Amino acid sequence: MALSGIFTGDLRWNSPWPVLAALFGVLSIQSVLLGLMMEMLMRTYYESQGKGPYAIRRVINGHKHIPYPVTDEG
């Protein structure tokens, strides 16, 4: 319906649903792009300062990591 109206020049918006669908479509694309942009900014910020996005203050009831012995047996 919308494509035929575009080609003939006779656009009729008898309902608010097409306008709302277009609005929410544009908003969803903008939200995704804003999220990607913020992710890049946060990564750049933390990499420039040489630290991670979080720091572990202390480990409660943690176990020391003991690696398994490496053997030549297959």
Protein backbone atom coordinates (compact mmCIF):
# COMPACT_ATOMS: atom_id res chain seq x y z
CA MET A 1 0.00 0.00 0.00
CA ALA A 2 2.76 2.44 0.91
CA LEU A 3 4.82 1.57 -2.15
CA SER A 4 1.89 2.05 -4.50
CA GLY A 5 1.24 5.43 -2.89
CA ILE A 6 4.85 6.45 -3.34
CA PHE A 7 4.84 5.55 -7.03
CA THR A 8 1.48 7.16 -7.80
CA GLY A 9 1.98 10.19 -5.55
CA ASP A 10 -1.22 9.46 -3.64
CA LEU A 11 -0.15 8.88 -0.04
CA ARG A 12 -3.04 8.37 2.37
CA TRP A 13 -2.27 7.98 6.03
CA ASN A 14 -5.70 7.00 7.31
CA SER A 15 -4.25 5.40 10.40
CA PRO A 16 -1.53 6.36 12.87
CA TRP A 17 0.00 2.87 12.73
CA PRO A 18 2.29 3.41 9.71
CA VAL A 19 3.66 6.60 11.26
CA LEU A 20 4.21 4.89 14.62
CA ALA A 21 5.87 1.90 12.95
CA ALA A 22 8.26 4.20 11.07
CA LEU A 23 8.97 6.20 14.23
CA PHE A 24 9.75 3.12 16.32
CA GLY A 25 11.85 1.66 13.51
CA VAL A 26 14.01 4.77 13.37
CA LEU A 27 14.25 4.89 17.18
CA SER A 28 15.35 1.27 17.37
CA ILE A 29 18.10 1.82 14.80
CA GLN A 30 19.27 4.92 16.67
CA SER A 31 19.32 3.02 19.97
CA VAL A 32 21.47 0.24 18.55
CA LEU A 33 23.89 2.70 16.96
CA LEU A 34 24.10 4.73 20.18
CA GLY A 35 24.92 1.56 22.12
CA LEU A 36 27.69 0.65 19.68
CA MET A 37 29.11 4.16 19.87
CA MET A 38 29.12 4.11 23.69
CA GLU A 39 30.83 0.70 23.68
CA MET A 40 33.63 2.08 21.49
CA LEU A 41 33.97 5.16 23.70
CA MET A 42 34.20 3.08 26.89
CA ARG A 43 36.80 0.76 25.39
CA THR A 44 38.87 3.73 24.20
CA TYR A 45 38.60 5.40 27.62
CA TYR A 46 39.76 2.36 29.59
CA GLU A 47 42.52 1.42 27.12
CA SER A 48 43.94 4.95 27.18
CA GLN A 49 44.22 4.83 30.97
CA GLY A 50 45.65 1.32 31.03
CA LYS A 51 43.08 -0.13 33.39
CA GLY A 52 40.06 -2.38 33.17
CA PRO A 53 36.41 -1.44 33.54
CA TYR A 54 36.35 -2.98 37.01
CA ALA A 55 38.79 -3.99 39.76
CA ILE A 56 38.55 -6.92 42.16
CA ARG A 57 39.11 -5.61 45.67
CA ARG A 58 39.33 -8.99 47.40
CA VAL A 59 38.38 -12.62 46.90
CA ILE A 60 36.23 -14.24 49.57
CA ASN A 61 36.44 -18.04 49.93
CA GLY A 62 38.51 -18.26 46.77
CA HIS A 63 40.85 -21.09 45.91
CA LYS A 64 44.34 -20.68 44.60
CA HIS A 65 44.64 -21.78 40.98
CA ILE A 66 46.79 -24.90 40.68
CA PRO A 67 47.53 -25.76 37.06
CA TYR A 68 47.43 -29.36 35.93
CA PRO A 69 50.85 -30.92 35.28
CA VAL A 70 51.80 -31.08 31.62
CA THR A 71 52.79 -34.54 30.43
CA ASP A 72 54.03 -35.85 27.11
CA GLU A 73 51.60 -38.77 27.16
CA GLY A 74 48.92 -38.55 24.55
